[in-house]
PDB file of N, CA and C in Angstrom:
ATOM      1  N   MET A   1     106.162 126.618  -1.255  1.00  0.00           N
ATOM      2  CA  MET A   1     106.949 126.908  -2.959  1.00  0.00           C
ATOM      3  C   MET A   1     105.344 127.480  -3.443  1.00  0.00           C
ATOM      4  N   MET A   2     104.282 127.068  -3.912  1.00  0.00           N
ATOM      5  CA  MET A   2     102.903 127.438  -4.671  1.00  0.00           C
ATOM      6  C   MET A   2     103.372 128.832  -4.184  1.00  0.00           C
ATOM      7  N   ASN A   3     103.401 129.373  -2.785  1.00  0.00           N
ATOM      8  CA  ASN A   3     103.588 131.025  -2.790  1.00  0.00           C
ATOM      9  C   ASN A   3     104.672 131.789  -4.097  1.00  0.00           C
ATOM     10  N   LYS A   4     105.775 131.429  -3.643  1.00  0.00           N
ATOM     11  CA  LYS A   4     106.863 131.649  -4.570  1.00  0.00           C
ATOM     12  C   LYS A   4     106.678 131.748  -5.921  1.00  0.00           C
ATOM     13  N   GLU A   5     106.205 130.365  -6.643  1.00  0.00           N
ATOM     14  CA  GLU A   5     105.481 130.396  -8.037  1.00  0.00           C
ATOM     15  C   GLU A   5     104.950 131.587  -8.250  1.00  0.00           C
ATOM     16  N   ASN A   6     103.585 131.703  -7.096  1.00  0.00           N
ATOM     17  CA  ASN A   6     102.691 133.161  -7.558  1.00  0.00           C
ATOM     18  C   ASN A   6     103.071 134.069  -7.595  1.00  0.00           C
ATOM     19  N   ASN A   7     104.444 134.050  -6.921  1.00  0.00           N
ATOM     20  CA  ASN A   7     105.035 135.701  -7.369  1.00  0.00           C
ATOM     21  C   ASN A   7     105.865 135.794  -8.158  1.00  0.00           C
ATOM     22  N   TRP A   8     106.589 134.591  -8.904  1.00  0.00           N
ATOM     23  CA  TRP A   8     107.186 135.123  -9.615  1.00  0.00           C
ATOM     24  C   TRP A   8     105.938 135.292 -11.100  1.00  0.00           C
ATOM     25  N   LYS A   9     104.836 134.634 -10.760  1.00  0.00           N
ATOM     26  CA  LYS A   9     103.580 134.741 -11.775  1.00  0.00           C
ATOM     27  C   LYS A   9     103.428 136.429 -11.934  1.00  0.00           C
ATOM     28  N   GLU A  10     103.000 136.545 -10.663  1.00  0.00           N
ATOM     29  CA  GLU A  10     102.837 138.056 -10.574  1.00  0.00           C
ATOM     30  C   GLU A  10     103.749 138.962 -11.046  1.00  0.00           C
ATOM     31  N   PHE A  11     105.123 138.950 -10.579  1.00  0.00           N
ATOM     32  CA  PHE A  11     106.154 139.533 -11.146  1.00  0.00           C
ATOM     33  C   PHE A  11     106.338 139.432 -12.808  1.00  0.00           C
ATOM     34  N   SER A  12     105.922 138.649 -13.130  1.00  0.00           N
ATOM     35  CA  SER A  12     106.269 138.220 -14.785  1.00  0.00           C
ATOM     36  C   SER A  12     105.299 139.010 -15.493  1.00  0.00           C
ATOM     37  N   ASP A  13     103.817 138.892 -14.954  1.00  0.00           N
ATOM     38  CA  ASP A  13     102.742 139.534 -15.444  1.00  0.00           C
ATOM     39  C   ASP A  13     102.835 141.275 -15.232  1.00  0.00           C
ATOM     40  N   ASP A  14     103.230 141.693 -13.888  1.00  0.00           N
ATOM     41  CA  ASP A  14     103.623 142.983 -13.726  1.00  0.00           C
ATOM     42  C   ASP A  14     104.542 143.203 -15.104  1.00  0.00           C
ATOM     43  N   VAL A  15     105.836 142.651 -15.517  1.00  0.00           N
ATOM     44  CA  VAL A  15     106.894 143.204 -16.121  1.00  0.00           C
ATOM     45  C   VAL A  15     106.308 143.127 -17.566  1.00  0.00           C
ATOM     46  N   SER A  16     105.541 142.302 -17.667  1.00  0.00           N
ATOM     47  CA  SER A  16     104.811 142.020 -19.275  1.00  0.00           C
ATOM     48  C   SER A  16     103.503 143.459 -19.193  1.00  0.00           C
ATOM     49  N   GLY A  17     102.771 143.591 -18.095  1.00  0.00           N
ATOM     50  CA  GLY A  17     101.900 144.910 -18.270  1.00  0.00           C
ATOM     51  C   GLY A  17     102.751 146.421 -18.378  1.00  0.00           C
ATOM     52  N   MET A  18     104.377 146.412 -17.682  1.00  0.00           N
ATOM     53  CA  MET A  18     104.942 147.426 -17.669  1.00  0.00           C
ATOM     54  C   MET A  18     105.608 147.671 -19.165  1.00  0.00           C
ATOM     55  N   SER A  19     105.719 146.178 -19.886  1.00  0.00           N
ATOM     56  CA  SER A  19     106.305 146.780 -21.284  1.00  0.00           C
ATOM     57  C   SER A  19     105.539 146.897 -22.368  1.00  0.00           C
ATOM     58  N   LYS A  20     104.266 146.440 -22.207  1.00  0.00           N
ATOM     59  CA  LYS A  20     103.405 146.917 -22.948  1.00  0.00           C
ATOM     60  C   LYS A  20     102.982 148.328 -22.952  1.00  0.00           C
ATOM     61  N   LYS A  21     102.816 148.927 -21.639  1.00  0.00           N
ATOM     62  CA  LYS A  21     102.745 149.967 -21.561  1.00  0.00           C
ATOM     63  C   LYS A  21     103.641 151.365 -22.141  1.00  0.00           C
ATOM     64  N   ILE A  22     105.020 150.766 -22.415  1.00  0.00           N
ATOM     65  CA  ILE A  22     106.037 151.428 -22.771  1.00  0.00           C
ATOM     66  C   ILE A  22     106.210 151.324 -23.987  1.00  0.00           C
ATOM     67  N   LYS A  23     105.813 150.160 -24.452  1.00  0.00           N
ATOM     68  CA  LYS A  23     105.394 150.201 -26.657  1.00  0.00           C
ATOM     69  C   LYS A  23     104.840 151.158 -26.548  1.00  0.00           C
ATOM     70  N   SER A  24     103.560 151.409 -25.799  1.00  0.00           N
ATOM     71  CA  SER A  24     102.183 151.886 -26.267  1.00  0.00           C
ATOM     72  C   SER A  24     102.845 153.414 -26.140  1.00  0.00           C
ATOM     73  N   ASN A  25     103.504 153.550 -24.937  1.00  0.00           N
ATOM     74  CA  ASN A  25     103.931 154.671 -24.761  1.00  0.00           C
ATOM     75  C   ASN A  25     105.014 155.024 -26.245  1.00  0.00           C
ATOM     76  N   LEU A  26     106.022 154.950 -26.276  1.00  0.00           N
ATOM     77  CA  LEU A  26     106.922 154.609 -27.327  1.00  0.00           C
ATOM     78  C   LEU A  26     106.451 155.397 -28.861  1.00  0.00           C
ATOM     79  N   THR A  27     105.079 154.234 -28.734  1.00  0.00           N
ATOM     80  CA  THR A  27     104.201 154.548 -30.443  1.00  0.00           C
ATOM     81  C   THR A  27     103.581 155.773 -30.299  1.00  0.00           C
ATOM     82  N   ASN A  28     103.867 156.546 -29.248  1.00  0.00           N
ATOM     83  CA  ASN A  28     102.741 157.710 -29.374  1.00  0.00           C
ATOM     84  C   ASN A  28     103.639 158.645 -30.276  1.00  0.00           C
ATOM     85  N   GLU A  29     102.408 159.117 -31.130  1.00  0.00           N
ATOM     86  CA  GLU A  29     103.372 160.183 -32.282  1.00  0.00           C
ATOM     87  C   GLU A  29     104.048 161.407 -31.471  1.00  0.00           C
ATOM     88  N   GLU A  30     103.487 161.850 -30.594  1.00  0.00           N
ATOM     89  CA  GLU A  30     103.896 163.292 -29.895  1.00  0.00           C
ATOM     90  C   GLU A  30     105.073 162.928 -29.605  1.00  0.00           C
ATOM     91  N   ASN A  31     105.412 161.813 -29.058  1.00  0.00           N
ATOM     92  CA  ASN A  31     106.649 161.200 -28.219  1.00  0.00           C
ATOM     93  C   ASN A  31     107.682 161.172 -28.912  1.00  0.00           C
ATOM     94  N   ILE A  32     107.323 160.694 -30.441  1.00  0.00           N
ATOM     95  CA  ILE A  32     108.163 160.273 -30.916  1.00  0.00           C
ATOM     96  C   ILE A  32     108.947 161.555 -31.830  1.00  0.00           C
ATOM     97  N   GLU A  33     107.790 162.305 -32.387  1.00  0.00           N
ATOM     98  CA  GLU A  33     108.329 163.783 -32.336  1.00  0.00           C
ATOM     99  C   GLU A  33     108.967 164.589 -31.691  1.00  0.00           C
ATOM    100  N   ASP A  34     108.219 164.052 -30.446  1.00  0.00           N
ATOM    101  CA  ASP A  34     109.626 165.011 -29.302  1.00  0.00           C
ATOM    102  C   ASP A  34     111.278 164.407 -29.537  1.00  0.00           C
ATOM    103  N   LEU A  35     110.876 163.063 -29.427  1.00  0.00           N
ATOM    104  CA  LEU A  35     112.724 162.617 -29.557  1.00  0.00           C
ATOM    105  C   LEU A  35     113.341 162.524 -31.018  1.00  0.00           C
ATOM    106  N   LYS A  36     112.447 162.923 -31.968  1.00  0.00           N
ATOM    107  CA  LYS A  36     112.882 163.803 -33.384  1.00  0.00           C
ATOM    108  C   LYS A  36     113.699 164.667 -33.164  1.00  0.00           C
ATOM    109  N   ALA A  37     112.895 165.321 -32.708  1.00  0.00           N
ATOM    110  CA  ALA A  37     113.053 167.276 -31.858  1.00  0.00           C
ATOM    111  C   ALA A  37     114.341 167.013 -31.261  1.00  0.00           C
ATOM    112  N   SER A  38     114.244 166.527 -30.612  1.00  0.00           N
ATOM    113  CA  SER A  38     115.585 166.442 -29.394  1.00  0.00           C
ATOM    114  C   SER A  38     116.812 165.769 -30.015  1.00  0.00           C
ATOM    115  N   LEU A  39     116.694 165.013 -30.575  1.00  0.00           N
ATOM    116  CA  LEU A  39     118.026 164.334 -31.555  1.00  0.00           C
ATOM    117  C   LEU A  39     118.288 165.557 -32.359  1.00  0.00           C
ATOM    118  N   LYS A  40     117.754 166.038 -33.335  1.00  0.00           N
ATOM    119  CA  LYS A  40     117.732 167.203 -34.003  1.00  0.00           C
ATOM    120  C   LYS A  40     118.267 168.417 -33.423  1.00  0.00           C
ATOM    121  N   ALA A  41     118.045 169.029 -32.242  1.00  0.00           N
ATOM    122  CA  ALA A  41     118.442 169.892 -31.394  1.00  0.00           C
ATOM    123  C   ALA A  41     119.706 169.468 -30.932  1.00  0.00           C
ATOM    124  N   THR A  42     119.981 168.290 -30.344  1.00  0.00           N
ATOM    125  CA  THR A  42     121.406 167.963 -30.186  1.00  0.00           C
ATOM    126  C   THR A  42     122.033 167.998 -31.233  1.00  0.00           C
ATOM    127  N   ARG A  43     122.305 167.354 -32.436  1.00  0.00           N
ATOM    128  CA  ARG A  43     123.260 167.937 -33.433  1.00  0.00           C
ATOM    129  C   ARG A  43     123.118 168.914 -33.615  1.00  0.00           C
ATOM    130  N   GLU A  44     122.248 170.020 -33.615  1.00  0.00           N
ATOM    131  CA  GLU A  44     122.658 170.734 -33.795  1.00  0.00           C
ATOM    132  C   GLU A  44     123.131 171.863 -32.791  1.00  0.00           C
ATOM    133  N   ALA A  45     123.318 171.552 -31.558  1.00  0.00           N
ATOM    134  CA  ALA A  45     123.842 172.053 -31.000  1.00  0.00           C
ATOM    135  C   ALA A  45     125.522 171.824 -30.906  1.00  0.00           C
ATOM    136  N   ILE A  46     125.764 170.539 -30.898  1.00  0.00           N
ATOM    137  CA  ILE A  46     127.027 169.925 -31.285  1.00  0.00           C
ATOM    138  C   ILE A  46     127.985 170.399 -32.241  1.00  0.00           C
ATOM    139  N   SER A  47     127.152 170.790 -33.617  1.00  0.00           N
ATOM    140  CA  SER A  47     127.907 171.083 -34.515  1.00  0.00           C
ATOM    141  C   SER A  47     128.054 172.739 -34.106  1.00  0.00           C
ATOM    142  N   ASN A  48     127.258 173.807 -33.616  1.00  0.00           N
ATOM    143  CA  ASN A  48     127.128 175.080 -33.175  1.00  0.00           C
ATOM    144  C   ASN A  48     128.678 175.167 -32.048  1.00  0.00           C
ATOM    145  N   SER A  49     128.352 173.998 -31.031  1.00  0.00           N
ATOM    146  CA  SER A  49     129.714 174.433 -30.301  1.00  0.00           C
ATOM    147  C   SER A  49     131.207 173.957 -30.958  1.00  0.00           C
ATOM    148  N   PHE A  50     131.321 172.953 -31.888  1.00  0.00           N
ATOM    149  CA  PHE A  50     132.549 172.581 -32.813  1.00  0.00           C
ATOM    150  C   PHE A  50     132.602 173.975 -33.576  1.00  0.00           C
ATOM    151  N   GLY A  51     131.650 174.330 -34.087  1.00  0.00           N
ATOM    152  CA  GLY A  51     131.659 175.760 -35.081  1.00  0.00           C
ATOM    153  C   GLY A  51     132.314 176.872 -34.234  1.00  0.00           C
ATOM    154  N   ASP A  52     132.027 177.197 -32.606  1.00  0.00           N
ATOM    155  CA  ASP A  52     132.976 177.817 -31.567  1.00  0.00           C
ATOM    156  C   ASP A  52     134.399 177.053 -31.588  1.00  0.00           C
ATOM    157  N   LEU A  53     134.431 176.125 -31.760  1.00  0.00           N
ATOM    158  CA  LEU A  53     135.853 175.977 -31.081  1.00  0.00           C
ATOM    159  C   LEU A  53     136.548 176.126 -32.237  1.00  0.00           C
ATOM    160  N   ILE A  54     136.109 175.950 -33.301  1.00  0.00           N
ATOM    161  CA  ILE A  54     137.205 176.118 -34.550  1.00  0.00           C
ATOM    162  C   ILE A  54     137.197 177.709 -34.410  1.00  0.00           C
ATOM    163  N   GLN A  55     136.175 178.431 -34.586  1.00  0.00           N
ATOM    164  CA  GLN A  55     136.713 179.794 -34.659  1.00  0.00           C
ATOM    165  C   GLN A  55     137.805 180.061 -33.579  1.00  0.00           C
ATOM    166  N   ILE A  56     137.280 179.862 -32.191  1.00  0.00           N
ATOM    167  CA  ILE A  56     138.498 179.819 -31.162  1.00  0.00           C
ATOM    168  C   ILE A  56     139.921 179.574 -31.861  1.00  0.00           C
ATOM    169  N   VAL A  57     139.996 178.457 -32.457  1.00  0.00           N
ATOM    170  CA  VAL A  57     141.360 177.868 -32.779  1.00  0.00           C
ATOM    171  C   VAL A  57     141.562 179.154 -33.454  1.00  0.00           C
ATOM    172  N   GLU A  58     141.219 179.203 -34.473  1.00  0.00           N
ATOM    173  CA  GLU A  58     141.593 180.289 -36.142  1.00  0.00           C
ATOM    174  C   GLU A  58     141.504 181.418 -35.173  1.00  0.00           C
ATOM    175  N   ASN A  59     141.017 181.845 -34.341  1.00  0.00           N
ATOM    176  CA  ASN A  59     141.274 183.089 -33.710  1.00  0.00           C
ATOM    177  C   ASN A  59     142.410 183.615 -32.441  1.00  0.00           C
ATOM    178  N   THR A  60     143.083 182.588 -32.314  1.00  0.00           N
ATOM    179  CA  THR A  60     143.747 182.255 -31.220  1.00  0.00           C
ATOM    180  C   THR A  60     145.423 181.689 -31.424  1.00  0.00           C
ATOM    181  N   VAL A  61     145.223 181.060 -32.394  1.00  0.00           N
ATOM    182  CA  VAL A  61     146.455 179.901 -32.464  1.00  0.00           C
ATOM    183  C   VAL A  61     147.201 180.267 -33.242  1.00  0.00           C
ATOM    184  N   LYS A  62     148.504 181.061 -33.140  1.00  0.00           N
ATOM    185  CA  LYS A  62     149.271 182.068 -34.173  1.00  0.00           C
ATOM    186  C   LYS A  62     150.225 180.824 -34.919  1.00  0.00           C
ATOM    187  N   ASP A  63     150.658 179.858 -35.052  1.00  0.00           N
ATOM    188  CA  ASP A  63     151.385 179.112 -35.415  1.00  0.00           C
ATOM    189  C   ASP A  63     150.492 178.045 -36.407  1.00  0.00           C
ATOM    190  N   GLU A  64     150.652 178.229 -37.823  1.00  0.00           N
ATOM    191  CA  GLU A  64     150.166 177.974 -38.892  1.00  0.00           C
ATOM    192  C   GLU A  64     149.812 176.107 -39.129  1.00  0.00           C
ATOM    193  N   GLU A  65     150.937 175.591 -38.118  1.00  0.00           N
ATOM    194  CA  GLU A  65     151.303 174.307 -38.531  1.00  0.00           C
ATOM    195  C   GLU A  65     150.158 173.571 -37.552  1.00  0.00           C
ATOM    196  N   ILE A  66     150.464 173.997 -36.471  1.00  0.00           N
ATOM    197  CA  ILE A  66     149.525 173.710 -35.282  1.00  0.00           C
ATOM    198  C   ILE A  66     148.076 174.182 -35.661  1.00  0.00           C
ATOM    199  N   LYS A  67     147.683 175.312 -35.791  1.00  0.00           N
ATOM    200  CA  LYS A  67     146.394 175.500 -36.033  1.00  0.00           C
ATOM    201  C   LYS A  67     145.759 174.405 -37.074  1.00  0.00           C
ATOM    202  N   GLU A  68     146.409 174.547 -38.353  1.00  0.00           N
ATOM    203  CA  GLU A  68     146.273 173.559 -39.318  1.00  0.00           C
ATOM    204  C   GLU A  68     145.593 172.469 -38.518  1.00  0.00           C
ATOM    205  N   ASP A  69     146.814 171.471 -37.555  1.00  0.00           N
ATOM    206  CA  ASP A  69     146.201 170.178 -37.044  1.00  0.00           C
ATOM    207  C   ASP A  69     145.201 170.572 -36.079  1.00  0.00           C
ATOM    208  N   ALA A  70     145.399 171.592 -35.293  1.00  0.00           N
ATOM    209  CA  ALA A  70     143.710 171.491 -34.521  1.00  0.00           C
ATOM    210  C   ALA A  70     143.068 171.920 -35.130  1.00  0.00           C
ATOM    211  N   LEU A  71     142.691 172.546 -36.361  1.00  0.00           N
ATOM    212  CA  LEU A  71     141.603 172.504 -37.105  1.00  0.00           C
ATOM    213  C   LEU A  71     141.191 170.812 -37.562  1.00  0.00           C
ATOM    214  N   ASN A  72     141.785 170.438 -38.160  1.00  0.00           N
ATOM    215  CA  ASN A  72     141.962 168.842 -38.907  1.00  0.00           C
ATOM    216  C   ASN A  72     141.481 168.393 -37.622  1.00  0.00           C
ATOM    217  N   ILE A  73     141.455 168.121 -36.303  1.00  0.00           N
ATOM    218  CA  ILE A  73     141.429 167.301 -35.340  1.00  0.00           C
ATOM    219  C   ILE A  73     139.885 167.808 -34.837  1.00  0.00           C
ATOM    220  N   VAL A  74     139.705 168.837 -34.618  1.00  0.00           N
ATOM    221  CA  VAL A  74     138.231 169.349 -34.264  1.00  0.00           C
ATOM    222  C   VAL A  74     137.159 169.110 -35.613  1.00  0.00           C
ATOM    223  N   SER A  75     137.679 168.978 -36.785  1.00  0.00           N
ATOM    224  CA  SER A  75     136.845 168.887 -37.832  1.00  0.00           C
ATOM    225  C   SER A  75     136.515 167.422 -37.759  1.00  0.00           C
ATOM    226  N   SER A  76     137.322 166.144 -37.946  1.00  0.00           N
ATOM    227  CA  SER A  76     137.167 165.057 -37.294  1.00  0.00           C
ATOM    228  C   SER A  76     136.442 164.759 -36.142  1.00  0.00           C
ATOM    229  N   LEU A  77     136.654 165.035 -35.322  1.00  0.00           N
ATOM    230  CA  LEU A  77     135.644 165.081 -33.365  1.00  0.00           C
ATOM    231  C   LEU A  77     134.377 165.266 -34.163  1.00  0.00           C
ATOM    232  N   LYS A  78     133.962 166.784 -34.711  1.00  0.00           N
ATOM    233  CA  LYS A  78     132.618 167.342 -35.301  1.00  0.00           C
ATOM    234  C   LYS A  78     132.051 165.805 -36.099  1.00  0.00           C
ATOM    235  N   ASP A  79     132.941 165.543 -36.975  1.00  0.00           N
ATOM    236  CA  ASP A  79     132.283 164.722 -37.898  1.00  0.00           C
ATOM    237  C   ASP A  79     131.862 163.097 -37.569  1.00  0.00           C
ATOM    238  N   GLU A  80     132.707 162.626 -36.331  1.00  0.00           N
ATOM    239  CA  GLU A  80     132.642 161.510 -35.545  1.00  0.00           C
ATOM    240  C   GLU A  80     131.481 161.646 -34.901  1.00  0.00           C
ATOM    241  N   VAL A  81     131.422 162.663 -33.872  1.00  0.00           N
ATOM    242  CA  VAL A  81     129.973 163.249 -33.133  1.00  0.00           C
ATOM    243  C   VAL A  81     128.822 163.289 -33.858  1.00  0.00           C
ATOM    244  N   SER A  82     128.813 163.840 -34.990  1.00  0.00           N
ATOM    245  CA  SER A  82     127.551 164.305 -36.077  1.00  0.00           C
ATOM    246  C   SER A  82     127.243 162.802 -36.277  1.00  0.00           C
ATOM    247  N   ASN A  83     128.314 161.585 -36.772  1.00  0.00           N
ATOM    248  CA  ASN A  83     128.001 160.791 -37.235  1.00  0.00           C
ATOM    249  C   ASN A  83     127.254 159.690 -36.105  1.00  0.00           C
ATOM    250  N   PHE A  84     127.745 160.256 -34.821  1.00  0.00           N
ATOM    251  CA  PHE A  84     127.313 158.992 -33.784  1.00  0.00           C
ATOM    252  C   PHE A  84     125.892 159.477 -33.694  1.00  0.00           C
ATOM    253  N   VAL A  85     125.315 160.659 -33.455  1.00  0.00           N
ATOM    254  CA  VAL A  85     124.208 161.066 -33.194  1.00  0.00           C
ATOM    255  C   VAL A  85     122.840 160.414 -34.165  1.00  0.00           C
ATOM    256  N   ASP A  86     123.210 160.422 -35.629  1.00  0.00           N
ATOM    257  CA  ASP A  86     122.448 160.178 -36.497  1.00  0.00           C
ATOM    258  C   ASP A  86     122.684 158.681 -36.639  1.00  0.00           C
ATOM    259  N   THR A  87     123.632 158.270 -36.345  1.00  0.00           N
ATOM    260  CA  THR A  87     123.351 156.868 -35.961  1.00  0.00           C
ATOM    261  C   THR A  87     122.496 156.471 -34.938  1.00  0.00           C
ATOM    262  N   ALA A  88     122.493 157.131 -34.046  1.00  0.00           N
ATOM    263  CA  ALA A  88     121.833 156.484 -32.670  1.00  0.00           C
ATOM    264  C   ALA A  88     120.173 157.047 -33.213  1.00  0.00           C
ATOM    265  N   LYS A  89     120.043 158.451 -33.694  1.00  0.00           N
ATOM    266  CA  LYS A  89     118.972 158.719 -34.430  1.00  0.00           C
ATOM    267  C   LYS A  89     117.896 157.703 -35.356  1.00  0.00           C
ATOM    268  N   ASP A  90     118.998 157.000 -36.270  1.00  0.00           N
ATOM    269  CA  ASP A  90     118.474 155.697 -36.928  1.00  0.00           C
ATOM    270  C   ASP A  90     118.208 154.615 -36.194  1.00  0.00           C
ATOM    271  N   LYS A  91     119.076 154.362 -35.111  1.00  0.00           N
ATOM    272  CA  LYS A  91     118.600 152.875 -34.393  1.00  0.00           C
ATOM    273  C   LYS A  91     117.030 153.337 -33.537  1.00  0.00           C
ATOM    274  N   VAL A  92     116.956 154.522 -33.090  1.00  0.00           N
ATOM    275  CA  VAL A  92     115.712 155.016 -32.664  1.00  0.00           C
ATOM    276  C   VAL A  92     114.796 154.805 -33.460  1.00  0.00           C
ATOM    277  N   SER A  93     114.879 155.370 -35.000  1.00  0.00           N
ATOM    278  CA  SER A  93     113.588 155.030 -35.728  1.00  0.00           C
ATOM    279  C   SER A  93     112.970 153.597 -36.081  1.00  0.00           C
ATOM    280  N   GLU A  94     114.558 152.764 -36.162  1.00  0.00           N
ATOM    281  CA  GLU A  94     114.409 151.496 -36.551  1.00  0.00           C
ATOM    282  C   GLU A  94     113.676 150.554 -35.332  1.00  0.00           C
ATOM    283  N   VAL A  95     113.894 151.181 -34.014  1.00  0.00           N
ATOM    284  CA  VAL A  95     113.145 150.451 -32.799  1.00  0.00           C
ATOM    285  C   VAL A  95     111.960 150.743 -32.948  1.00  0.00           C
ATOM    286  N   VAL A  96     111.571 152.543 -33.005  1.00  0.00           N
ATOM    287  CA  VAL A  96     110.203 152.576 -33.072  1.00  0.00           C
ATOM    288  C   VAL A  96     109.399 151.965 -34.449  1.00  0.00           C
ATOM    289  N   ASN A  97     109.808 152.001 -35.400  1.00  0.00           N
ATOM    290  CA  ASN A  97     109.201 151.221 -36.640  1.00  0.00           C
ATOM    291  C   ASN A  97     108.749 149.869 -36.192  1.00  0.00           C
ATOM    292  N   PHE A  98     110.201 149.152 -35.244  1.00  0.00           N
ATOM    293  CA  PHE A  98     109.363 147.554 -35.086  1.00  0.00           C
ATOM    294  C   PHE A  98     108.372 147.850 -34.326  1.00  0.00           C
ATOM    295  N   ILE A  99     108.628 148.684 -33.414  1.00  0.00           N
ATOM    296  CA  ILE A  99     107.018 148.746 -32.301  1.00  0.00           C
ATOM    297  C   ILE A  99     106.283 148.735 -32.904  1.00  0.00           C
ATOM    298  N   VAL A 100     105.982 149.733 -33.863  1.00  0.00           N
ATOM    299  CA  VAL A 100     104.698 150.178 -34.833  1.00  0.00           C
ATOM    300  C   VAL A 100     104.429 148.907 -35.405  1.00  0.00           C
ATOM    301  N   THR A 101     105.076 148.281 -36.042  1.00  0.00           N
ATOM    302  CA  THR A 101     104.856 147.230 -37.213  1.00  0.00           C
ATOM    303  C   THR A 101     104.442 145.975 -36.667  1.00  0.00           C
ATOM    304  N   GLU A 102     105.335 145.732 -35.125  1.00  0.00           N
ATOM    305  CA  GLU A 102     104.629 144.869 -34.257  1.00  0.00           C
ATOM    306  C   GLU A 102     103.190 144.827 -33.680  1.00  0.00           C
ATOM    307  N   GLU A 103     102.810 145.785 -33.364  1.00  0.00           N
ATOM    308  CA  GLU A 103     101.413 146.366 -32.901  1.00  0.00           C
ATOM    309  C   GLU A 103     100.420 146.106 -33.764  1.00  0.00           C
ATOM    310  N   GLU A 104     100.929 146.263 -35.374  1.00  0.00           N
ATOM    311  CA  GLU A 104      99.712 146.489 -36.209  1.00  0.00           C
ATOM    312  C   GLU A 104      99.437 144.968 -36.653  1.00  0.00           C
TER     313      GLU A 104
END
């Protein structure tokens, strides 16, 4: 029985140590800047892809009603995905700020 308790204690200590390492790594300024840059690049890539899709629709669809509907759908999707990325960026910032505050 004691051996199981010791194993759980060691496991708990290992998890706690790993948690501290992750927190300290997350608050490393360089990693935070990399994450921000990655999210910005993701948003820009998404915007460019939707821009390309809009150009394709405008250049290939001949029926004006279908073209207008397709462009509205693409525009809505672009806004939704951009909002999702912005929300993700905000949540990551909140977590990082919480961890930094918690360490201070």
